[in-house]
N, C-alpha and C. Protein backbone atom coordinates (compact mmCIF):
# COMPACT_ATOMS: atom_id res chain seq x y z
N MET A 1 14.58 1.00 -1.30
CA MET A 1 13.82 0.03 -0.53
C MET A 1 12.71 -0.58 -1.36
N SER A 2 12.08 0.21 -2.18
CA SER A 2 10.87 -0.25 -2.84
C SER A 2 11.17 -1.23 -3.96
N GLU A 3 10.51 -2.40 -3.88
CA GLU A 3 10.61 -3.35 -4.97
C GLU A 3 9.37 -3.29 -5.84
N TYR A 4 8.36 -2.60 -5.39
CA TYR A 4 7.13 -2.45 -6.14
C TYR A 4 7.26 -1.17 -6.96
N ALA A 5 7.17 -1.27 -8.25
CA ALA A 5 7.57 -0.16 -9.11
C ALA A 5 6.41 0.53 -9.82
N ILE A 6 5.43 0.99 -9.09
CA ILE A 6 4.42 1.85 -9.71
C ILE A 6 5.09 3.20 -9.95
N ARG A 7 4.92 3.71 -11.13
CA ARG A 7 5.47 5.02 -11.48
C ARG A 7 4.40 5.81 -12.23
N ILE A 8 4.60 7.10 -12.26
CA ILE A 8 3.73 7.97 -13.05
C ILE A 8 4.27 8.02 -14.47
N ASP A 9 3.40 7.82 -15.43
CA ASP A 9 3.78 7.95 -16.83
C ASP A 9 3.48 9.39 -17.25
N TRP A 10 4.49 10.24 -17.10
CA TRP A 10 4.29 11.68 -17.34
C TRP A 10 3.97 11.98 -18.80
N SER A 11 4.26 11.06 -19.71
CA SER A 11 3.93 11.31 -21.12
C SER A 11 2.42 11.30 -21.37
N THR A 12 1.65 10.82 -20.37
CA THR A 12 0.19 10.79 -20.50
C THR A 12 -0.48 11.99 -19.85
N ALA A 13 0.31 12.89 -19.27
CA ALA A 13 -0.26 14.01 -18.52
C ALA A 13 -1.05 14.95 -19.42
N THR A 14 -2.20 15.36 -18.90
CA THR A 14 -3.00 16.40 -19.54
C THR A 14 -3.47 17.36 -18.47
N VAL A 15 -3.72 18.60 -18.88
CA VAL A 15 -4.25 19.62 -17.98
C VAL A 15 -5.39 20.31 -18.69
N THR A 16 -6.50 20.46 -17.99
CA THR A 16 -7.66 21.16 -18.55
C THR A 16 -8.04 22.31 -17.63
N ALA A 17 -8.67 23.30 -18.21
CA ALA A 17 -9.11 24.46 -17.43
C ALA A 17 -10.44 24.14 -16.78
N ASP A 18 -10.54 24.47 -15.49
CA ASP A 18 -11.79 24.33 -14.75
C ASP A 18 -11.84 25.51 -13.80
N ASN A 19 -12.45 26.58 -14.25
CA ASN A 19 -12.46 27.85 -13.54
C ASN A 19 -12.73 27.66 -12.06
N PRO A 20 -11.91 28.10 -11.16
CA PRO A 20 -10.79 29.03 -11.31
C PRO A 20 -9.42 28.34 -11.34
N SER A 21 -9.38 27.00 -11.47
CA SER A 21 -8.08 26.34 -11.41
C SER A 21 -7.89 25.41 -12.61
N LEU A 22 -6.87 24.63 -12.54
CA LEU A 22 -6.56 23.65 -13.57
C LEU A 22 -6.73 22.25 -13.00
N ILE A 23 -7.13 21.33 -13.85
CA ILE A 23 -7.28 19.93 -13.45
C ILE A 23 -6.27 19.11 -14.24
N TYR A 24 -5.41 18.40 -13.53
CA TYR A 24 -4.43 17.55 -14.21
C TYR A 24 -4.92 16.11 -14.17
N SER A 25 -4.43 15.34 -15.10
CA SER A 25 -4.70 13.91 -15.16
C SER A 25 -3.44 13.24 -15.67
N VAL A 26 -3.04 12.17 -15.03
CA VAL A 26 -1.84 11.44 -15.43
C VAL A 26 -2.04 9.97 -15.08
N LYS A 27 -1.53 9.10 -15.93
CA LYS A 27 -1.71 7.66 -15.72
C LYS A 27 -0.51 7.06 -15.01
N LEU A 28 -0.77 5.96 -14.35
CA LEU A 28 0.27 5.17 -13.72
C LEU A 28 0.72 4.09 -14.69
N ASN A 29 1.93 3.58 -14.49
CA ASN A 29 2.47 2.59 -15.42
C ASN A 29 1.89 1.19 -15.24
N ASP A 30 1.19 0.94 -14.14
CA ASP A 30 0.66 -0.38 -13.86
C ASP A 30 -0.56 -0.23 -12.96
N ASP A 31 -1.35 -1.29 -12.87
CA ASP A 31 -2.52 -1.28 -12.01
C ASP A 31 -2.09 -1.61 -10.58
N PRO A 32 -2.23 -0.69 -9.64
CA PRO A 32 -1.77 -0.93 -8.27
C PRO A 32 -2.59 -2.03 -7.58
N ASP A 33 -1.92 -2.78 -6.71
CA ASP A 33 -2.63 -3.78 -5.92
C ASP A 33 -3.28 -3.10 -4.71
N ASN A 34 -3.99 -3.88 -3.91
CA ASN A 34 -4.72 -3.31 -2.77
C ASN A 34 -3.79 -2.74 -1.70
N TYR A 35 -2.63 -3.35 -1.50
CA TYR A 35 -1.68 -2.78 -0.54
C TYR A 35 -1.31 -1.36 -0.98
N TRP A 36 -0.98 -1.22 -2.25
CA TRP A 36 -0.58 0.09 -2.77
C TRP A 36 -1.72 1.09 -2.66
N ARG A 37 -2.90 0.69 -3.04
CA ARG A 37 -4.07 1.59 -3.00
C ARG A 37 -4.35 2.06 -1.57
N ASN A 38 -4.28 1.13 -0.61
CA ASN A 38 -4.52 1.50 0.79
C ASN A 38 -3.47 2.49 1.29
N GLU A 39 -2.21 2.21 1.01
CA GLU A 39 -1.14 3.10 1.45
C GLU A 39 -1.23 4.46 0.74
N PHE A 40 -1.60 4.45 -0.52
CA PHE A 40 -1.76 5.70 -1.26
C PHE A 40 -2.82 6.57 -0.59
N ASP A 41 -3.96 5.98 -0.25
CA ASP A 41 -5.04 6.74 0.39
C ASP A 41 -4.57 7.36 1.70
N ILE A 42 -3.82 6.60 2.50
CA ILE A 42 -3.31 7.11 3.78
C ILE A 42 -2.35 8.28 3.55
N LEU A 43 -1.38 8.08 2.66
CA LEU A 43 -0.39 9.12 2.41
C LEU A 43 -0.99 10.33 1.72
N ARG A 44 -1.94 10.12 0.83
CA ARG A 44 -2.60 11.24 0.16
C ARG A 44 -3.36 12.08 1.18
N ASP A 45 -4.09 11.43 2.07
CA ASP A 45 -4.84 12.17 3.09
C ASP A 45 -3.89 12.96 3.99
N ARG A 46 -2.76 12.35 4.34
CA ARG A 46 -1.77 13.04 5.17
C ARG A 46 -1.20 14.25 4.42
N LEU A 47 -0.94 14.08 3.13
CA LEU A 47 -0.41 15.17 2.31
C LEU A 47 -1.39 16.35 2.28
N HIS A 48 -2.67 16.06 2.19
CA HIS A 48 -3.67 17.11 2.14
C HIS A 48 -3.81 17.87 3.45
N THR A 49 -3.41 17.24 4.57
CA THR A 49 -3.57 17.90 5.87
C THR A 49 -2.30 18.53 6.40
N GLU A 50 -1.14 18.22 5.79
CA GLU A 50 0.12 18.81 6.24
C GLU A 50 0.31 20.20 5.63
N ALA A 51 0.48 21.19 6.47
CA ALA A 51 0.67 22.55 5.98
C ALA A 51 1.96 22.64 5.17
N GLY A 52 1.88 23.20 3.98
CA GLY A 52 3.04 23.42 3.14
C GLY A 52 3.55 22.20 2.41
N ALA A 53 2.89 21.05 2.57
CA ALA A 53 3.35 19.83 1.92
C ALA A 53 3.07 19.82 0.43
N ALA A 54 2.08 20.57 0.02
CA ALA A 54 1.70 20.60 -1.39
C ALA A 54 1.41 22.05 -1.79
N PRO A 55 1.47 22.34 -3.08
CA PRO A 55 1.18 23.70 -3.53
C PRO A 55 -0.25 24.12 -3.21
N ARG A 56 -0.47 25.41 -3.09
CA ARG A 56 -1.81 25.95 -2.87
C ARG A 56 -2.70 25.52 -4.03
N GLY A 57 -3.90 25.08 -3.74
CA GLY A 57 -4.83 24.67 -4.78
C GLY A 57 -4.63 23.23 -5.25
N PHE A 58 -3.63 22.55 -4.69
CA PHE A 58 -3.31 21.19 -5.10
C PHE A 58 -4.23 20.19 -4.42
N TRP A 59 -4.68 19.22 -5.17
CA TRP A 59 -5.37 18.07 -4.61
C TRP A 59 -5.19 16.90 -5.57
N VAL A 60 -5.39 15.70 -5.07
CA VAL A 60 -5.27 14.51 -5.90
C VAL A 60 -6.36 13.52 -5.48
N ASN A 61 -7.02 12.94 -6.47
CA ASN A 61 -8.02 11.92 -6.19
C ASN A 61 -7.34 10.59 -5.97
N SER A 62 -8.03 9.73 -5.24
CA SER A 62 -7.51 8.44 -4.88
C SER A 62 -7.35 7.52 -6.08
N ALA A 63 -6.20 6.90 -6.16
CA ALA A 63 -5.95 5.91 -7.21
C ALA A 63 -6.90 4.73 -7.07
N SER A 64 -7.38 4.47 -5.85
CA SER A 64 -8.25 3.32 -5.66
C SER A 64 -9.60 3.53 -6.34
N HIS A 65 -9.96 4.78 -6.60
CA HIS A 65 -11.23 5.05 -7.26
C HIS A 65 -11.05 5.30 -8.75
N PHE A 66 -9.85 5.57 -9.19
CA PHE A 66 -9.63 5.91 -10.59
C PHE A 66 -8.67 4.94 -11.28
N GLY A 67 -8.38 3.81 -10.64
CA GLY A 67 -7.58 2.78 -11.27
C GLY A 67 -6.19 3.24 -11.64
N LEU A 68 -5.94 3.37 -12.92
CA LEU A 68 -4.60 3.67 -13.40
C LEU A 68 -4.34 5.16 -13.51
N GLU A 69 -5.23 5.99 -13.05
CA GLU A 69 -5.10 7.41 -13.30
C GLU A 69 -5.19 8.23 -12.02
N LEU A 70 -4.34 9.24 -11.92
CA LEU A 70 -4.42 10.22 -10.84
C LEU A 70 -4.98 11.50 -11.43
N THR A 71 -5.90 12.10 -10.74
CA THR A 71 -6.43 13.39 -11.16
C THR A 71 -6.40 14.33 -9.97
N GLY A 72 -6.35 15.61 -10.26
CA GLY A 72 -6.34 16.57 -9.17
C GLY A 72 -6.30 17.99 -9.66
N GLY A 73 -6.27 18.90 -8.72
CA GLY A 73 -6.26 20.31 -9.04
C GLY A 73 -4.91 20.94 -8.79
N MET A 74 -4.66 22.00 -9.53
CA MET A 74 -3.41 22.75 -9.36
C MET A 74 -3.63 24.17 -9.85
N ASP A 75 -2.75 25.05 -9.46
CA ASP A 75 -2.78 26.43 -9.94
C ASP A 75 -1.80 26.58 -11.09
N PRO A 76 -2.06 27.51 -12.00
CA PRO A 76 -1.11 27.76 -13.09
C PRO A 76 0.27 28.08 -12.53
N GLY A 77 1.31 27.54 -13.17
CA GLY A 77 2.68 27.78 -12.75
C GLY A 77 3.21 26.78 -11.73
N ASP A 78 2.36 25.88 -11.24
CA ASP A 78 2.76 24.91 -10.22
C ASP A 78 3.18 23.56 -10.80
N GLU A 79 3.42 23.51 -12.09
CA GLU A 79 3.68 22.23 -12.74
C GLU A 79 4.86 21.48 -12.12
N GLU A 80 5.99 22.15 -11.92
CA GLU A 80 7.17 21.48 -11.36
C GLU A 80 6.90 20.99 -9.94
N ARG A 81 6.27 21.82 -9.15
CA ARG A 81 5.97 21.44 -7.76
C ARG A 81 4.99 20.28 -7.72
N VAL A 82 3.96 20.29 -8.57
CA VAL A 82 3.00 19.20 -8.62
C VAL A 82 3.70 17.91 -9.03
N ARG A 83 4.55 18.01 -10.03
CA ARG A 83 5.28 16.82 -10.48
C ARG A 83 6.15 16.26 -9.34
N TYR A 84 6.85 17.13 -8.64
CA TYR A 84 7.69 16.69 -7.53
C TYR A 84 6.84 16.03 -6.44
N VAL A 85 5.75 16.68 -6.06
CA VAL A 85 4.89 16.16 -4.99
C VAL A 85 4.30 14.81 -5.38
N LEU A 86 3.83 14.67 -6.62
CA LEU A 86 3.24 13.40 -7.05
C LEU A 86 4.29 12.29 -7.14
N ASP A 87 5.46 12.60 -7.71
CA ASP A 87 6.52 11.59 -7.78
C ASP A 87 6.90 11.12 -6.38
N ASP A 88 7.04 12.06 -5.45
CA ASP A 88 7.38 11.72 -4.08
C ASP A 88 6.27 10.90 -3.43
N LEU A 89 5.03 11.27 -3.65
CA LEU A 89 3.88 10.55 -3.10
C LEU A 89 3.86 9.11 -3.62
N VAL A 90 4.09 8.93 -4.91
CA VAL A 90 4.08 7.58 -5.48
C VAL A 90 5.25 6.76 -4.94
N GLN A 91 6.43 7.36 -4.82
CA GLN A 91 7.58 6.62 -4.29
C GLN A 91 7.36 6.23 -2.82
N ARG A 92 6.85 7.15 -2.03
CA ARG A 92 6.56 6.83 -0.63
C ARG A 92 5.48 5.76 -0.53
N THR A 93 4.51 5.80 -1.44
CA THR A 93 3.48 4.77 -1.47
C THR A 93 4.09 3.42 -1.83
N ASN A 94 4.98 3.39 -2.82
CA ASN A 94 5.67 2.14 -3.17
C ASN A 94 6.37 1.56 -1.95
N ASP A 95 7.12 2.40 -1.23
CA ASP A 95 7.86 1.94 -0.05
C ASP A 95 6.91 1.42 1.03
N ALA A 96 5.84 2.18 1.29
CA ALA A 96 4.89 1.78 2.33
C ALA A 96 4.16 0.49 1.94
N ALA A 97 3.82 0.35 0.68
CA ALA A 97 3.15 -0.87 0.22
C ALA A 97 4.08 -2.08 0.35
N THR A 98 5.35 -1.88 0.06
CA THR A 98 6.33 -2.97 0.21
C THR A 98 6.40 -3.39 1.68
N ARG A 99 6.47 -2.41 2.58
CA ARG A 99 6.51 -2.73 4.01
C ARG A 99 5.22 -3.45 4.44
N ALA A 100 4.08 -3.02 3.94
CA ALA A 100 2.80 -3.65 4.30
C ALA A 100 2.75 -5.10 3.81
N ARG A 101 3.22 -5.33 2.58
CA ARG A 101 3.27 -6.70 2.05
C ARG A 101 4.20 -7.57 2.88
N GLU A 102 5.38 -7.03 3.23
CA GLU A 102 6.34 -7.79 4.04
C GLU A 102 5.76 -8.11 5.41
N ALA A 103 5.08 -7.15 6.02
CA ALA A 103 4.48 -7.39 7.33
C ALA A 103 3.41 -8.48 7.24
N GLU A 104 2.62 -8.44 6.20
CA GLU A 104 1.58 -9.47 6.00
C GLU A 104 2.23 -10.83 5.78
N SER A 105 3.30 -10.86 5.02
CA SER A 105 4.02 -12.11 4.76
C SER A 105 4.63 -12.66 6.04
N ASP A 106 5.23 -11.78 6.85
CA ASP A 106 5.79 -12.19 8.14
C ASP A 106 4.70 -12.76 9.04
N LYS A 107 3.57 -12.09 9.06
CA LYS A 107 2.44 -12.53 9.88
C LYS A 107 1.96 -13.91 9.42
N ALA A 108 1.88 -14.12 8.11
CA ALA A 108 1.44 -15.41 7.58
C ALA A 108 2.45 -16.51 7.93
N ARG A 109 3.76 -16.20 7.85
CA ARG A 109 4.78 -17.19 8.23
C ARG A 109 4.68 -17.54 9.71
N GLU A 110 4.48 -16.53 10.56
CA GLU A 110 4.35 -16.79 11.99
C GLU A 110 3.12 -17.65 12.27
N GLU A 111 2.03 -17.35 11.61
CA GLU A 111 0.79 -18.12 11.80
C GLU A 111 1.00 -19.56 11.32
N ALA A 112 1.69 -19.75 10.20
CA ALA A 112 1.97 -21.09 9.69
C ALA A 112 2.85 -21.87 10.67
N ALA A 113 3.83 -21.19 11.27
CA ALA A 113 4.70 -21.85 12.25
C ALA A 113 3.90 -22.24 13.49
N ARG A 114 3.01 -21.36 13.94
CA ARG A 114 2.16 -21.69 15.10
C ARG A 114 1.27 -22.88 14.79
N LEU A 115 0.69 -22.90 13.61
CA LEU A 115 -0.19 -24.01 13.23
C LEU A 115 0.60 -25.31 13.13
N GLU A 116 1.81 -25.25 12.57
CA GLU A 116 2.65 -26.44 12.46
C GLU A 116 2.98 -26.99 13.84
N GLU A 117 3.33 -26.11 14.79
CA GLU A 117 3.63 -26.55 16.15
C GLU A 117 2.39 -27.15 16.81
N LEU A 118 1.24 -26.57 16.59
CA LEU A 118 0.00 -27.09 17.15
C LEU A 118 -0.31 -28.47 16.56
N GLN A 119 -0.05 -28.63 15.27
CA GLN A 119 -0.28 -29.94 14.64
C GLN A 119 0.66 -31.00 15.21
N ARG A 120 1.93 -30.61 15.46
CA ARG A 120 2.86 -31.55 16.09
C ARG A 120 2.40 -31.91 17.50
N ALA A 121 1.92 -30.93 18.25
CA ALA A 121 1.41 -31.19 19.60
C ALA A 121 0.20 -32.11 19.54
N ALA A 122 -0.66 -31.91 18.55
CA ALA A 122 -1.84 -32.77 18.39
C ALA A 122 -1.41 -34.20 18.07
N GLN A 123 -0.41 -34.34 17.23
CA GLN A 123 0.09 -35.68 16.88
C GLN A 123 0.67 -36.37 18.11
N ARG A 124 1.47 -35.63 18.90
CA ARG A 124 2.04 -36.22 20.12
C ARG A 124 0.94 -36.61 21.10
N ALA A 125 -0.07 -35.76 21.25
CA ALA A 125 -1.18 -36.06 22.15
C ALA A 125 -1.95 -37.28 21.67
N THR A 126 -2.14 -37.39 20.36
CA THR A 126 -2.83 -38.56 19.80
C THR A 126 -2.04 -39.82 20.11
N GLU A 127 -0.73 -39.77 19.91
CA GLU A 127 0.11 -40.94 20.18
C GLU A 127 0.07 -41.32 21.65
N ARG A 128 0.09 -40.33 22.54
CA ARG A 128 0.03 -40.63 23.98
C ARG A 128 -1.32 -41.23 24.36
N LEU A 129 -2.40 -40.70 23.77
CA LEU A 129 -3.72 -41.26 24.07
C LEU A 129 -3.85 -42.70 23.60
N ARG A 130 -3.20 -43.02 22.51
CA ARG A 130 -3.30 -44.37 21.95
C ARG A 130 -2.38 -45.36 22.66
N SER A 131 -1.43 -44.89 23.37
CA SER A 131 -0.44 -45.76 24.01
C SER A 131 -0.81 -46.01 25.46
N PRO A 132 -1.26 -47.24 25.77
CA PRO A 132 -1.64 -47.52 27.17
C PRO A 132 -0.43 -47.43 28.10
N HIS A 133 0.73 -47.71 27.61
CA HIS A 133 1.94 -47.67 28.44
C HIS A 133 2.19 -46.25 28.97
N GLU A 134 2.05 -45.25 28.10
CA GLU A 134 2.31 -43.88 28.54
C GLU A 134 1.24 -43.40 29.49
N LEU A 135 -0.02 -43.83 29.30
CA LEU A 135 -1.09 -43.41 30.20
C LEU A 135 -0.87 -44.01 31.59
N GLN A 136 -0.43 -45.25 31.66
CA GLN A 136 -0.19 -45.89 32.96
C GLN A 136 0.96 -45.20 33.69
N ALA A 137 1.94 -44.73 32.95
CA ALA A 137 3.09 -44.08 33.56
C ALA A 137 2.68 -42.77 34.23
N LEU A 138 1.61 -42.17 33.75
CA LEU A 138 1.16 -40.90 34.34
C LEU A 138 0.39 -41.11 35.64
N GLU A 139 -0.16 -42.30 35.84
CA GLU A 139 -0.99 -42.52 37.03
C GLU A 139 -0.23 -42.63 38.29
């Protein structure tokens, strides 16, 4: 479904020790737009509140505050699970951002159609006001 292709560049991943856990950092392949950032924040918050959705000790900072980089905490040995969770989070964010963009585009098209119809109605009303023949027919 997703046409927006933000991905994690795993070749940039680093992990540092921060007692008692580890802090990972990984870059994204592109700078996300506002749709993506908003959807990421929603899905990230949901991930943090769903029991069992992420490994114990796992957290991720918002891409909207760190631009091209995701950072977060993890426990030693959770590398595969963290990678899976982050890849899934990014893919779900891509899909949600695509849907949000499409909804906004649909809304803009509907608004443009409403405005076009209103402009046609205004033109017809102007023509009727200018035409004495049509005004007399209404009396």
